[in-house]
Amino acid sequence: MAPKPKRAVIGEMWIRCLVCQGDLFRDREVKLNSSGMEFMNLAWANESATGLICWQCGHVQLFVNRELRMYKADK
């Protein structure tokens, strides 16, 4: 199933791409691996971030903020 474009907001601030100022993204979970945790075979315990991938230019922005909300968008 192909990803659908979404808009992202933290509180009342809508997120825009830092490169092209686009406001449509696809999202995915990104593990924030550390070499120490990898060395001890505890990579599963590393923190996660939400990666927002700009629908227009492909630039990736990472967010650890738990207040990040995603909404379906019409293209």
N, C-alpha and C. Protein backbone atom coordinates (compact mmCIF):
# COMPACT_ATOMS: atom_id res chain seq x y z
N MET A 1 0.85 -1.18 0.00
CA MET A 1 0.00 0.00 0.00
C MET A 1 0.89 1.25 0.00
N ALA A 2 0.67 2.14 -0.91
CA ALA A 2 1.47 3.36 -1.02
C ALA A 2 1.14 4.32 0.12
N PRO A 3 2.17 5.01 0.65
CA PRO A 3 1.90 5.98 1.72
C PRO A 3 1.07 7.15 1.20
N LYS A 4 0.27 7.70 2.08
CA LYS A 4 -0.56 8.86 1.74
C LYS A 4 0.04 10.10 2.39
N PRO A 5 -0.08 11.25 1.75
CA PRO A 5 0.49 12.47 2.32
C PRO A 5 -0.23 12.85 3.61
N LYS A 6 0.57 13.40 4.55
CA LYS A 6 0.03 13.85 5.83
C LYS A 6 0.59 15.23 6.14
N ARG A 7 -0.12 15.93 7.01
CA ARG A 7 0.36 17.19 7.56
C ARG A 7 0.71 16.94 9.02
N ALA A 8 1.68 17.68 9.53
CA ALA A 8 2.15 17.47 10.90
C ALA A 8 2.05 18.77 11.69
N VAL A 9 1.74 18.64 12.98
CA VAL A 9 1.60 19.80 13.85
C VAL A 9 2.12 19.46 15.24
N ILE A 10 2.75 20.44 15.88
CA ILE A 10 3.11 20.34 17.29
C ILE A 10 2.42 21.51 17.97
N GLY A 11 1.51 21.19 18.86
CA GLY A 11 0.69 22.25 19.47
C GLY A 11 -0.10 22.95 18.39
N GLU A 12 0.13 24.23 18.20
CA GLU A 12 -0.57 24.99 17.15
C GLU A 12 0.37 25.34 15.99
N MET A 13 1.60 24.80 16.00
CA MET A 13 2.57 25.13 14.95
C MET A 13 2.62 24.02 13.91
N TRP A 14 2.18 24.33 12.70
CA TRP A 14 2.22 23.37 11.60
C TRP A 14 3.64 23.27 11.08
N ILE A 15 4.09 22.06 10.83
CA ILE A 15 5.46 21.81 10.38
C ILE A 15 5.56 22.02 8.88
N ARG A 16 6.64 22.67 8.46
CA ARG A 16 6.95 22.86 7.04
C ARG A 16 8.35 22.33 6.80
N CYS A 17 8.61 21.93 5.58
CA CYS A 17 9.93 21.45 5.20
C CYS A 17 10.94 22.60 5.30
N LEU A 18 12.10 22.32 5.87
CA LEU A 18 13.14 23.33 6.01
C LEU A 18 13.80 23.69 4.68
N VAL A 19 13.66 22.82 3.68
CA VAL A 19 14.31 23.05 2.39
C VAL A 19 13.38 23.73 1.39
N CYS A 20 12.19 23.16 1.18
CA CYS A 20 11.31 23.67 0.13
C CYS A 20 10.03 24.32 0.66
N GLN A 21 9.85 24.33 1.97
CA GLN A 21 8.67 24.90 2.63
C GLN A 21 7.38 24.12 2.35
N GLY A 22 7.51 22.90 1.83
CA GLY A 22 6.33 22.06 1.62
C GLY A 22 5.69 21.69 2.95
N ASP A 23 4.41 21.31 2.93
CA ASP A 23 3.73 20.96 4.17
C ASP A 23 3.13 19.55 4.14
N LEU A 24 3.52 18.76 3.16
CA LEU A 24 3.05 17.38 3.08
C LEU A 24 4.21 16.43 3.32
N PHE A 25 3.97 15.41 4.14
CA PHE A 25 5.02 14.49 4.52
C PHE A 25 4.50 13.06 4.53
N ARG A 26 5.43 12.12 4.50
CA ARG A 26 5.14 10.75 4.92
C ARG A 26 5.99 10.54 6.16
N ASP A 27 5.57 9.66 7.03
CA ASP A 27 6.28 9.50 8.29
C ASP A 27 6.71 8.05 8.48
N ARG A 28 7.75 7.90 9.31
CA ARG A 28 8.20 6.56 9.69
C ARG A 28 8.97 6.66 10.99
N GLU A 29 8.98 5.57 11.73
CA GLU A 29 9.73 5.50 12.97
C GLU A 29 11.21 5.32 12.65
N VAL A 30 12.05 6.05 13.37
CA VAL A 30 13.50 5.98 13.18
C VAL A 30 14.13 5.68 14.53
N LYS A 31 14.96 4.66 14.59
CA LYS A 31 15.67 4.32 15.83
C LYS A 31 16.90 5.22 15.96
N LEU A 32 17.11 5.78 17.14
CA LEU A 32 18.26 6.62 17.41
C LEU A 32 19.30 5.77 18.11
N ASN A 33 20.01 4.96 17.33
CA ASN A 33 20.97 4.00 17.87
C ASN A 33 22.19 4.69 18.46
N SER A 34 22.68 4.11 19.54
CA SER A 34 23.95 4.57 20.12
C SER A 34 24.92 3.41 20.09
N SER A 35 26.20 3.70 19.92
CA SER A 35 27.19 2.62 19.80
C SER A 35 27.28 1.80 21.08
N GLY A 36 27.10 2.43 22.25
CA GLY A 36 27.16 1.70 23.51
C GLY A 36 26.06 0.67 23.62
N MET A 37 24.86 1.05 23.26
CA MET A 37 23.72 0.12 23.33
C MET A 37 23.89 -0.99 22.29
N GLU A 38 24.41 -0.65 21.11
CA GLU A 38 24.67 -1.66 20.08
C GLU A 38 25.70 -2.67 20.60
N PHE A 39 26.76 -2.17 21.22
CA PHE A 39 27.83 -3.03 21.73
C PHE A 39 27.30 -4.02 22.76
N MET A 40 26.35 -3.60 23.59
CA MET A 40 25.80 -4.47 24.64
C MET A 40 24.58 -5.25 24.16
N ASN A 41 24.32 -5.26 22.85
CA ASN A 41 23.16 -5.93 22.28
C ASN A 41 21.85 -5.44 22.86
N LEU A 42 21.78 -4.14 23.15
CA LEU A 42 20.56 -3.54 23.70
C LEU A 42 19.98 -2.49 22.74
N ALA A 43 20.23 -2.66 21.46
CA ALA A 43 19.76 -1.68 20.48
C ALA A 43 18.24 -1.53 20.53
N TRP A 44 17.54 -2.57 20.90
CA TRP A 44 16.08 -2.51 20.97
C TRP A 44 15.62 -1.46 22.00
N ALA A 45 16.48 -1.11 22.96
CA ALA A 45 16.10 -0.16 24.01
C ALA A 45 16.40 1.29 23.63
N ASN A 46 16.99 1.52 22.47
CA ASN A 46 17.29 2.88 22.04
C ASN A 46 16.01 3.68 21.82
N GLU A 47 16.13 4.98 21.98
CA GLU A 47 14.99 5.86 21.78
C GLU A 47 14.60 5.91 20.30
N SER A 48 13.33 6.20 20.05
CA SER A 48 12.82 6.34 18.69
C SER A 48 12.46 7.79 18.42
N ALA A 49 12.46 8.14 17.15
CA ALA A 49 12.01 9.46 16.70
C ALA A 49 11.04 9.23 15.55
N THR A 50 10.27 10.26 15.25
CA THR A 50 9.43 10.23 14.06
C THR A 50 10.16 10.97 12.95
N GLY A 51 10.39 10.29 11.86
CA GLY A 51 11.00 10.92 10.70
C GLY A 51 9.92 11.41 9.77
N LEU A 52 9.94 12.71 9.47
CA LEU A 52 9.01 13.27 8.48
C LEU A 52 9.78 13.46 7.19
N ILE A 53 9.31 12.80 6.14
CA ILE A 53 9.96 12.85 4.83
C ILE A 53 9.11 13.73 3.93
N CYS A 54 9.70 14.83 3.48
CA CYS A 54 8.96 15.80 2.66
C CYS A 54 8.44 15.13 1.39
N TRP A 55 7.17 15.30 1.14
CA TRP A 55 6.52 14.72 -0.03
C TRP A 55 7.08 15.32 -1.32
N GLN A 56 7.50 16.59 -1.26
CA GLN A 56 7.95 17.31 -2.46
C GLN A 56 9.43 17.09 -2.77
N CYS A 57 10.31 17.25 -1.76
CA CYS A 57 11.75 17.20 -2.06
C CYS A 57 12.50 16.05 -1.39
N GLY A 58 11.86 15.35 -0.46
CA GLY A 58 12.49 14.20 0.17
C GLY A 58 13.35 14.51 1.38
N HIS A 59 13.45 15.76 1.78
CA HIS A 59 14.24 16.12 2.97
C HIS A 59 13.63 15.44 4.20
N VAL A 60 14.50 14.93 5.09
CA VAL A 60 14.05 14.23 6.30
C VAL A 60 14.29 15.10 7.52
N GLN A 61 13.26 15.24 8.35
CA GLN A 61 13.36 15.93 9.62
C GLN A 61 12.99 14.94 10.72
N LEU A 62 13.74 14.94 11.82
CA LEU A 62 13.47 14.02 12.92
C LEU A 62 12.84 14.77 14.09
N PHE A 63 11.84 14.14 14.72
CA PHE A 63 11.16 14.71 15.87
C PHE A 63 11.05 13.67 16.97
N VAL A 64 11.45 14.07 18.18
CA VAL A 64 11.31 13.20 19.35
C VAL A 64 10.15 13.71 20.20
N ASN A 65 9.62 14.85 19.86
CA ASN A 65 8.53 15.48 20.60
C ASN A 65 7.29 14.61 20.59
N ARG A 66 6.80 14.27 21.75
CA ARG A 66 5.61 13.41 21.88
C ARG A 66 4.32 14.13 21.48
N GLU A 67 4.38 15.44 21.34
CA GLU A 67 3.19 16.22 20.97
C GLU A 67 2.97 16.26 19.46
N LEU A 68 3.88 15.70 18.68
CA LEU A 68 3.74 15.70 17.22
C LEU A 68 2.50 14.92 16.82
N ARG A 69 1.66 15.54 16.04
CA ARG A 69 0.43 14.90 15.56
C ARG A 69 0.41 14.92 14.04
N MET A 70 -0.09 13.83 13.46
CA MET A 70 -0.16 13.69 12.00
C MET A 70 -1.63 13.67 11.58
N TYR A 71 -1.94 14.36 10.48
CA TYR A 71 -3.30 14.41 9.95
C TYR A 71 -3.28 14.08 8.47
N LYS A 72 -4.26 13.29 8.03
CA LYS A 72 -4.39 12.98 6.61
C LYS A 72 -4.59 14.27 5.84
N ALA A 73 -4.03 14.32 4.64
CA ALA A 73 -4.13 15.52 3.81
C ALA A 73 -4.56 15.12 2.41
N ASP A 74 -5.33 15.97 1.78
CA ASP A 74 -5.63 15.80 0.36
C ASP A 74 -4.48 16.44 -0.39
N LYS A 75 -3.97 15.75 -1.39
CA LYS A 75 -2.81 16.25 -2.15
C LYS A 75 -3.07 17.51 -2.84
